[in-house]
Every structure is written in structure tokens, then in C-alpha cells.
């Protein structure tokens, strides 16, 4: 895309950082679930046959799924275990999209998140791949900010 005399290319999806308050070991390789949807519902009014009323309902946010290579840190597992034991610890976080120079260009903030699923690595003898763990976070909303 050209804006004025300056060419502006799209940002590359692999350049990002995820911060979760209180979690220091969070270098993630993958992030999915950045999505928001407003439910809608239809209402048919008696005597009006040429259209159906459509009304906005509540917003829905699917879980964020974060994947990273396994390390010796148990912070994500411990957070999930606390929630599984009934001690729900909600945390806010930020996803930073970086440009090719490593500068933050866009932020997504997520609010009051807690883990609803932790997945350990697939262990296979005879392969040399990286062992990944993932955590799925339920949250109460997103906001975005261009830097």
C-alpha cells in the first residue's frame, strides 16, 4: 500500500510479544483467538412482512490460545492448577504487534483472563521437534490501540 510518497507494507504475523501480568516466562510462539463478535437476534413484527427486525445482543469473545516451547518454568501450569482448585486468579494482558525493527505498532489488551485449558507437549521418540505447551484463556473483552 502506498500512503503519500511512503510505501506501507502489512505487518508480519510472526512479530509479536505477549505480556500477562505476574507471568514473567511468557515468550509465546503462537497466539490465536483475537476475535470479537456481537450476537444478534431477529424479531418478527406482526403485520410487517417485507423484513425482520434485527437487534444487537451481547458481545462474545472466544478464548485466546497461546503456545510456546516448553521451558523449566511452571508459571502457566501453576496458574491453571490454582484455577482448577477453585482459586480463580484473573489477569490482564497485552499482545504487542511489532514492526520489522522490533518496535510496537499495535496493541491488543485483554481483561480479567484466567486459564480454562492447559495442554502439554506431544512426546514422540524419533523426532527432533520442539516440545510445545499451550494455555487457553477465557477473558472478558478486548481493546485495541495503534501506537
N, C-alpha and C. Protein backbone atom coordinates (compact mmCIF):
# COMPACT_ATOMS: atom_id res chain seq x y z
N UNK A 1 0.85 -1.16 0.00
CA UNK A 1 0.00 0.00 0.00
C UNK A 1 0.91 1.24 0.00
N UNK A 2 0.52 2.25 -0.74
CA UNK A 2 1.28 3.49 -0.80
C UNK A 2 0.46 4.58 -0.13
N UNK A 3 1.08 5.25 0.83
CA UNK A 3 0.42 6.33 1.54
C UNK A 3 1.30 7.57 1.37
N UNK A 4 0.79 8.55 0.59
CA UNK A 4 1.64 9.70 0.26
C UNK A 4 2.76 9.21 -0.64
N UNK A 5 4.01 9.53 -0.30
CA UNK A 5 5.18 9.05 -1.04
C UNK A 5 5.81 7.84 -0.37
N UNK A 6 5.23 7.38 0.73
CA UNK A 6 5.82 6.31 1.51
C UNK A 6 5.04 5.00 1.33
N UNK A 7 5.75 3.94 1.00
CA UNK A 7 5.12 2.62 0.86
C UNK A 7 4.91 2.05 2.26
N UNK A 8 3.72 1.49 2.48
CA UNK A 8 3.39 0.92 3.78
C UNK A 8 2.96 -0.53 3.60
N UNK A 9 3.84 -1.46 3.96
CA UNK A 9 3.54 -2.88 3.82
C UNK A 9 2.80 -3.39 5.05
N UNK A 10 2.04 -4.48 4.89
CA UNK A 10 1.36 -5.07 6.06
C UNK A 10 2.39 -5.61 7.06
N UNK A 11 1.98 -5.67 8.31
CA UNK A 11 2.87 -6.20 9.35
C UNK A 11 2.92 -7.71 9.26
N UNK A 12 4.05 -8.26 9.64
CA UNK A 12 4.23 -9.70 9.58
C UNK A 12 3.71 -10.33 10.86
N UNK A 13 2.98 -11.43 10.72
CA UNK A 13 2.26 -12.04 11.84
C UNK A 13 3.17 -12.72 12.86
N UNK A 14 4.44 -12.96 12.53
CA UNK A 14 5.31 -13.65 13.47
C UNK A 14 5.98 -12.70 14.47
N UNK A 15 5.83 -11.40 14.29
CA UNK A 15 6.48 -10.42 15.16
C UNK A 15 5.52 -9.95 16.24
N UNK A 16 5.56 -10.61 17.40
CA UNK A 16 4.67 -10.19 18.48
C UNK A 16 5.25 -10.61 19.83
N UNK A 17 4.75 -9.97 20.86
CA UNK A 17 5.10 -10.28 22.25
C UNK A 17 3.79 -10.34 23.03
N UNK A 18 3.69 -11.29 23.95
CA UNK A 18 2.52 -11.37 24.82
C UNK A 18 2.99 -11.12 26.25
N UNK A 19 2.32 -10.18 26.92
CA UNK A 19 2.59 -9.91 28.34
C UNK A 19 1.36 -10.30 29.13
N UNK A 20 1.56 -11.04 30.21
CA UNK A 20 0.47 -11.36 31.13
C UNK A 20 0.95 -10.95 32.51
N UNK A 21 0.19 -10.09 33.18
CA UNK A 21 0.65 -9.58 34.47
C UNK A 21 0.96 -10.73 35.43
N UNK A 22 2.10 -10.66 36.05
CA UNK A 22 2.50 -11.67 37.02
C UNK A 22 3.14 -12.90 36.42
N UNK A 23 3.18 -13.02 35.09
CA UNK A 23 3.82 -14.16 34.42
C UNK A 23 5.04 -13.63 33.69
N UNK A 24 6.21 -14.01 34.15
CA UNK A 24 7.43 -13.48 33.54
C UNK A 24 7.90 -14.34 32.38
N UNK A 25 7.68 -15.63 32.44
CA UNK A 25 8.17 -16.53 31.38
C UNK A 25 7.08 -16.75 30.36
N UNK A 26 6.88 -15.79 29.48
CA UNK A 26 5.77 -15.90 28.54
C UNK A 26 6.19 -15.54 27.12
N UNK A 27 7.26 -16.13 26.62
CA UNK A 27 7.67 -15.92 25.24
C UNK A 27 6.90 -16.88 24.35
N UNK A 28 5.82 -16.42 23.75
CA UNK A 28 4.94 -17.31 23.01
C UNK A 28 5.29 -17.35 21.53
N UNK A 29 5.11 -18.52 20.93
CA UNK A 29 5.38 -18.72 19.51
C UNK A 29 4.12 -18.54 18.67
N UNK A 30 2.96 -18.62 19.31
CA UNK A 30 1.70 -18.57 18.58
C UNK A 30 0.62 -17.97 19.46
N UNK A 31 -0.24 -17.19 18.85
CA UNK A 31 -1.38 -16.59 19.55
C UNK A 31 -2.57 -16.61 18.60
N UNK A 32 -3.67 -17.21 19.04
CA UNK A 32 -4.88 -17.19 18.22
C UNK A 32 -6.08 -16.85 19.10
N UNK A 33 -7.16 -16.48 18.47
CA UNK A 33 -8.36 -16.15 19.21
C UNK A 33 -8.62 -14.66 19.35
N UNK A 34 -7.84 -13.83 18.66
CA UNK A 34 -8.10 -12.39 18.70
C UNK A 34 -9.35 -12.13 17.85
N UNK A 35 -10.48 -12.17 18.50
CA UNK A 35 -11.74 -12.08 17.79
C UNK A 35 -12.81 -11.52 18.71
N UNK A 36 -13.75 -10.81 18.14
CA UNK A 36 -14.90 -10.29 18.89
C UNK A 36 -16.12 -10.39 18.00
N UNK A 37 -17.23 -10.71 18.61
CA UNK A 37 -18.47 -10.87 17.86
C UNK A 37 -19.62 -10.30 18.67
N UNK A 38 -20.52 -9.62 18.01
CA UNK A 38 -21.74 -9.15 18.65
C UNK A 38 -22.86 -10.08 18.21
N UNK A 39 -23.48 -10.73 19.18
CA UNK A 39 -24.63 -11.58 18.86
C UNK A 39 -25.76 -10.70 18.35
N UNK A 40 -26.59 -11.28 17.51
CA UNK A 40 -27.76 -10.54 17.06
C UNK A 40 -28.95 -11.48 17.09
N UNK A 41 -30.11 -10.92 17.18
CA UNK A 41 -31.31 -11.75 17.16
C UNK A 41 -32.39 -11.05 16.33
N UNK A 42 -33.25 -11.88 15.79
CA UNK A 42 -34.31 -11.38 14.92
C UNK A 42 -35.63 -11.29 15.68
N UNK A 43 -36.44 -10.33 15.28
CA UNK A 43 -37.78 -10.17 15.85
C UNK A 43 -38.74 -9.92 14.69
N UNK A 44 -39.72 -10.78 14.59
CA UNK A 44 -40.73 -10.61 13.54
C UNK A 44 -41.92 -9.85 14.11
N UNK A 45 -42.18 -8.72 13.53
CA UNK A 45 -43.30 -7.88 13.97
C UNK A 45 -44.55 -8.27 13.20
N UNK A 46 -45.63 -8.47 13.92
CA UNK A 46 -46.89 -8.83 13.28
C UNK A 46 -47.33 -7.77 12.28
N UNK A 47 -47.74 -8.18 11.11
CA UNK A 47 -48.20 -7.26 10.09
C UNK A 47 -47.10 -6.69 9.22
N UNK A 48 -45.82 -6.89 9.58
CA UNK A 48 -44.69 -6.43 8.76
C UNK A 48 -44.11 -7.67 8.08
N UNK A 49 -44.37 -7.79 6.80
CA UNK A 49 -43.98 -9.00 6.08
C UNK A 49 -42.80 -8.80 5.14
N UNK A 50 -42.33 -7.57 4.95
CA UNK A 50 -41.25 -7.35 3.99
C UNK A 50 -39.87 -7.33 4.62
N UNK A 51 -39.76 -7.40 5.95
CA UNK A 51 -38.44 -7.50 6.60
C UNK A 51 -38.62 -8.00 8.03
N UNK A 52 -37.53 -8.38 8.63
CA UNK A 52 -37.49 -8.82 10.03
C UNK A 52 -36.57 -7.87 10.77
N UNK A 53 -36.98 -7.41 11.93
CA UNK A 53 -36.12 -6.55 12.75
C UNK A 53 -34.92 -7.37 13.23
N UNK A 54 -33.77 -6.73 13.26
CA UNK A 54 -32.55 -7.37 13.75
C UNK A 54 -31.97 -6.48 14.83
N UNK A 55 -31.73 -7.06 16.03
CA UNK A 55 -31.23 -6.31 17.19
C UNK A 55 -29.88 -6.85 17.64
N UNK A 56 -29.09 -5.95 18.16
CA UNK A 56 -27.77 -6.33 18.69
C UNK A 56 -27.93 -6.91 20.09
N UNK A 57 -27.18 -7.96 20.35
CA UNK A 57 -27.15 -8.59 21.66
C UNK A 57 -25.80 -8.36 22.31
N UNK A 58 -25.42 -9.23 23.24
CA UNK A 58 -24.15 -9.04 23.94
C UNK A 58 -22.94 -9.40 23.07
N UNK A 59 -21.79 -8.86 23.44
CA UNK A 59 -20.53 -9.18 22.76
C UNK A 59 -20.01 -10.51 23.28
N UNK A 60 -19.35 -11.26 22.39
CA UNK A 60 -18.74 -12.53 22.76
C UNK A 60 -17.28 -12.50 22.35
N UNK A 61 -16.43 -13.08 23.18
CA UNK A 61 -15.00 -13.16 22.90
C UNK A 61 -14.57 -14.61 23.05
N UNK A 62 -14.06 -15.23 21.98
CA UNK A 62 -13.59 -16.61 22.13
C UNK A 62 -12.32 -16.64 22.97
N UNK A 63 -11.97 -17.80 23.48
CA UNK A 63 -10.73 -17.90 24.28
C UNK A 63 -9.49 -17.56 23.44
N UNK A 64 -8.50 -16.97 24.10
CA UNK A 64 -7.19 -16.79 23.49
C UNK A 64 -6.40 -18.07 23.69
N UNK A 65 -5.70 -18.51 22.67
CA UNK A 65 -4.86 -19.70 22.77
C UNK A 65 -3.43 -19.26 22.54
N UNK A 66 -2.59 -19.52 23.53
CA UNK A 66 -1.18 -19.13 23.48
C UNK A 66 -0.32 -20.39 23.52
N UNK A 67 0.61 -20.51 22.57
CA UNK A 67 1.52 -21.67 22.53
C UNK A 67 2.95 -21.19 22.65
N UNK A 68 3.74 -22.00 23.35
CA UNK A 68 5.17 -21.69 23.48
C UNK A 68 5.95 -22.98 23.66
N UNK A 69 7.24 -22.87 23.40
CA UNK A 69 8.12 -24.00 23.64
C UNK A 69 8.24 -24.26 25.14
N UNK A 70 8.27 -25.54 25.51
CA UNK A 70 8.38 -25.91 26.93
C UNK A 70 9.69 -25.38 27.51
N UNK A 71 9.61 -24.89 28.73
CA UNK A 71 10.79 -24.45 29.47
C UNK A 71 10.72 -25.09 30.85
N UNK A 72 11.68 -24.75 31.70
CA UNK A 72 11.64 -25.28 33.06
C UNK A 72 10.76 -24.43 33.98
N UNK A 73 10.07 -23.44 33.45
CA UNK A 73 9.16 -22.61 34.22
C UNK A 73 7.80 -23.30 34.35
N UNK A 74 7.23 -23.30 35.55
CA UNK A 74 5.92 -23.88 35.79
C UNK A 74 4.85 -22.82 36.01
N UNK A 75 5.10 -21.56 35.65
CA UNK A 75 4.16 -20.48 35.95
C UNK A 75 2.80 -20.68 35.31
N UNK A 76 2.76 -21.09 34.05
CA UNK A 76 1.47 -21.30 33.39
C UNK A 76 0.73 -22.49 33.99
N UNK A 77 1.45 -23.57 34.23
CA UNK A 77 0.85 -24.75 34.85
C UNK A 77 0.31 -24.41 36.25
N UNK A 78 1.09 -23.70 37.03
CA UNK A 78 0.66 -23.34 38.39
C UNK A 78 -0.58 -22.45 38.38
N UNK A 79 -0.64 -21.52 37.44
CA UNK A 79 -1.81 -20.65 37.31
C UNK A 79 -3.05 -21.50 37.00
N UNK A 80 -2.90 -22.41 36.04
CA UNK A 80 -4.00 -23.29 35.68
C UNK A 80 -4.41 -24.16 36.88
N UNK A 81 -3.48 -24.71 37.61
CA UNK A 81 -3.78 -25.57 38.76
C UNK A 81 -4.54 -24.80 39.84
N UNK A 82 -4.16 -23.55 40.08
CA UNK A 82 -4.87 -22.75 41.08
C UNK A 82 -6.33 -22.57 40.67
N UNK A 83 -6.57 -22.28 39.40
CA UNK A 83 -7.95 -22.12 38.92
C UNK A 83 -8.70 -23.44 39.03
N UNK A 84 -8.04 -24.55 38.66
CA UNK A 84 -8.68 -25.87 38.74
C UNK A 84 -9.05 -26.23 40.18
N UNK A 85 -8.32 -25.71 41.13
CA UNK A 85 -8.61 -25.97 42.56
C UNK A 85 -9.64 -24.99 43.11
N UNK A 86 -10.12 -24.06 42.28
CA UNK A 86 -11.16 -23.15 42.73
C UNK A 86 -10.68 -21.76 43.10
N UNK A 87 -9.38 -21.50 42.98
CA UNK A 87 -8.83 -20.17 43.27
C UNK A 87 -8.63 -19.44 41.94
N UNK A 88 -9.68 -18.80 41.46
CA UNK A 88 -9.63 -18.16 40.14
C UNK A 88 -8.86 -16.85 40.25
N UNK A 89 -7.71 -16.83 39.61
CA UNK A 89 -6.85 -15.64 39.59
C UNK A 89 -6.97 -15.05 38.20
N UNK A 90 -7.57 -13.87 38.11
CA UNK A 90 -7.76 -13.22 36.82
C UNK A 90 -6.61 -12.24 36.58
N UNK A 91 -6.13 -12.24 35.35
CA UNK A 91 -5.02 -11.36 35.00
C UNK A 91 -5.32 -10.64 33.70
N UNK A 92 -4.84 -9.42 33.60
CA UNK A 92 -4.91 -8.66 32.37
C UNK A 92 -3.65 -8.92 31.56
N UNK A 93 -3.73 -8.68 30.27
CA UNK A 93 -2.55 -8.89 29.44
C UNK A 93 -2.60 -8.02 28.20
N UNK A 94 -1.47 -8.01 27.51
CA UNK A 94 -1.33 -7.21 26.29
C UNK A 94 -0.57 -8.01 25.25
N UNK A 95 -1.05 -7.94 24.03
CA UNK A 95 -0.35 -8.54 22.89
C UNK A 95 0.19 -7.38 22.07
N UNK A 96 1.50 -7.36 21.87
CA UNK A 96 2.18 -6.30 21.12
C UNK A 96 2.50 -6.83 19.73
N UNK A 97 2.04 -6.14 18.68
CA UNK A 97 2.48 -6.46 17.32
C UNK A 97 3.67 -5.55 17.03
N UNK A 98 4.75 -6.14 16.52
CA UNK A 98 5.98 -5.41 16.27
C UNK A 98 6.20 -5.22 14.78
N UNK A 99 6.87 -4.13 14.42
CA UNK A 99 7.27 -3.95 13.03
C UNK A 99 8.59 -4.66 12.80
N UNK A 100 9.16 -4.52 11.61
CA UNK A 100 10.40 -5.21 11.26
C UNK A 100 11.60 -4.74 12.07
N UNK A 101 11.48 -3.58 12.74
CA UNK A 101 12.57 -3.06 13.58
C UNK A 101 12.38 -3.42 15.05
N UNK A 102 11.32 -4.18 15.36
CA UNK A 102 11.08 -4.59 16.74
C UNK A 102 10.34 -3.56 17.57
N UNK A 103 9.76 -2.55 16.93
CA UNK A 103 9.01 -1.51 17.64
C UNK A 103 7.52 -1.88 17.67
N UNK A 104 6.88 -1.65 18.81
CA UNK A 104 5.46 -1.92 18.93
C UNK A 104 4.67 -0.96 18.05
N UNK A 105 3.77 -1.50 17.22
CA UNK A 105 2.96 -0.68 16.33
C UNK A 105 1.47 -0.80 16.65
N UNK A 106 1.08 -1.88 17.30
CA UNK A 106 -0.32 -2.07 17.65
C UNK A 106 -0.40 -2.94 18.89
N UNK A 107 -1.40 -2.66 19.73
CA UNK A 107 -1.60 -3.42 20.96
C UNK A 107 -3.02 -3.96 20.99
N UNK A 108 -3.17 -5.14 21.56
CA UNK A 108 -4.48 -5.67 21.94
C UNK A 108 -4.40 -5.94 23.43
N UNK A 109 -5.30 -5.35 24.18
CA UNK A 109 -5.37 -5.59 25.63
C UNK A 109 -6.51 -6.58 25.88
N UNK A 110 -6.27 -7.57 26.73
CA UNK A 110 -7.35 -8.46 27.14
C UNK A 110 -7.49 -8.34 28.66
N UNK A 111 -8.71 -8.56 29.14
CA UNK A 111 -9.05 -8.21 30.51
C UNK A 111 -9.60 -9.40 31.29
N UNK A 112 -9.19 -9.48 32.55
CA UNK A 112 -9.71 -10.44 33.52
C UNK A 112 -9.69 -11.87 32.99
N UNK A 113 -8.54 -12.26 32.46
CA UNK A 113 -8.37 -13.59 31.87
C UNK A 113 -8.00 -14.61 32.94
N UNK A 114 -8.39 -15.83 32.69
CA UNK A 114 -7.97 -16.96 33.53
C UNK A 114 -7.90 -18.20 32.64
N UNK A 115 -7.03 -19.15 32.98
CA UNK A 115 -6.85 -20.33 32.13
C UNK A 115 -8.01 -21.31 32.26
N UNK A 116 -8.48 -21.79 31.12
CA UNK A 116 -9.52 -22.81 31.11
C UNK A 116 -9.00 -24.13 30.54
N UNK A 117 -7.83 -24.11 29.94
CA UNK A 117 -7.23 -25.35 29.44
C UNK A 117 -5.72 -25.18 29.35
N UNK A 118 -5.01 -26.18 29.81
CA UNK A 118 -3.56 -26.26 29.64
C UNK A 118 -3.30 -27.55 28.88
N UNK A 119 -2.44 -27.48 27.87
CA UNK A 119 -2.11 -28.66 27.08
C UNK A 119 -0.60 -28.81 27.05
N UNK A 120 -0.14 -29.99 27.44
CA UNK A 120 1.29 -30.28 27.42
C UNK A 120 1.74 -30.72 26.04
N UNK A 121 3.01 -31.04 25.92
CA UNK A 121 3.58 -31.39 24.61
C UNK A 121 3.17 -32.79 24.15
N UNK A 122 3.21 -33.00 22.85
CA UNK A 122 3.12 -34.34 22.28
C UNK A 122 4.53 -34.91 22.33
N UNK A 123 4.69 -36.02 23.01
CA UNK A 123 6.02 -36.64 23.16
C UNK A 123 6.12 -37.81 22.18
N UNK A 124 7.13 -37.72 21.30
CA UNK A 124 7.33 -38.76 20.29
C UNK A 124 8.81 -39.07 20.17
N UNK A 125 9.15 -40.32 20.43
CA UNK A 125 10.53 -40.74 20.24
C UNK A 125 10.84 -40.70 18.74
N UNK A 126 12.05 -40.38 18.40
CA UNK A 126 12.45 -40.39 17.00
C UNK A 126 12.21 -39.07 16.27
N UNK A 127 11.73 -38.06 16.96
CA UNK A 127 11.56 -36.76 16.32
C UNK A 127 12.47 -35.75 17.01
N UNK A 128 12.77 -34.69 16.31
CA UNK A 128 13.65 -33.68 16.89
C UNK A 128 12.96 -32.34 17.03
N UNK A 129 11.61 -32.34 17.00
CA UNK A 129 10.86 -31.09 17.10
C UNK A 129 10.88 -30.51 18.51
N UNK A 130 10.49 -29.26 18.61
CA UNK A 130 10.40 -28.57 19.90
C UNK A 130 9.14 -29.02 20.61
N UNK A 131 9.23 -29.23 21.92
CA UNK A 131 8.06 -29.58 22.73
C UNK A 131 7.31 -28.30 23.06
N UNK A 132 6.01 -28.27 22.75
CA UNK A 132 5.19 -27.08 22.97
C UNK A 132 4.16 -27.34 24.05
N UNK A 133 3.86 -26.29 24.82
CA UNK A 133 2.71 -26.31 25.72
C UNK A 133 1.80 -25.17 25.28
N UNK A 134 0.53 -25.30 25.59
CA UNK A 134 -0.39 -24.21 25.26
C UNK A 134 -1.32 -23.97 26.44
N UNK A 135 -1.80 -22.74 26.49
CA UNK A 135 -2.76 -22.37 27.52
C UNK A 135 -3.89 -21.62 26.83
N UNK A 136 -5.10 -21.94 27.23
CA UNK A 136 -6.28 -21.30 26.66
C UNK A 136 -6.88 -20.41 27.74
N UNK A 137 -7.11 -19.15 27.40
CA UNK A 137 -7.57 -18.17 28.38
C UNK A 137 -8.96 -17.66 28.04
N UNK A 138 -9.89 -17.81 28.99
CA UNK A 138 -11.18 -17.13 28.88
C UNK A 138 -10.93 -15.70 29.35
N UNK A 139 -11.61 -14.73 28.75
CA UNK A 139 -11.40 -13.34 29.15
C UNK A 139 -12.69 -12.56 28.96
N UNK A 140 -12.68 -11.33 29.46
CA UNK A 140 -13.90 -10.52 29.46
C UNK A 140 -13.87 -9.38 28.45
N UNK A 141 -12.99 -9.45 27.48
CA UNK A 141 -13.03 -8.44 26.44
C UNK A 141 -11.66 -8.04 25.93
N UNK A 142 -11.70 -7.35 24.79
CA UNK A 142 -10.50 -6.86 24.11
C UNK A 142 -10.64 -5.36 23.84
N UNK A 143 -9.53 -4.70 23.81
CA UNK A 143 -9.46 -3.36 23.26
C UNK A 143 -8.19 -3.30 22.41
N UNK A 144 -8.16 -2.40 21.46
CA UNK A 144 -7.01 -2.30 20.58
C UNK A 144 -6.50 -0.86 20.56
N UNK A 145 -5.23 -0.72 20.28
CA UNK A 145 -4.60 0.58 20.30
C UNK A 145 -3.50 0.62 19.27
N UNK A 146 -3.51 1.61 18.39
CA UNK A 146 -2.42 1.79 17.42
C UNK A 146 -1.43 2.76 18.03
N UNK A 147 -0.16 2.42 17.96
CA UNK A 147 0.89 3.24 18.55
C UNK A 147 1.38 4.26 17.54
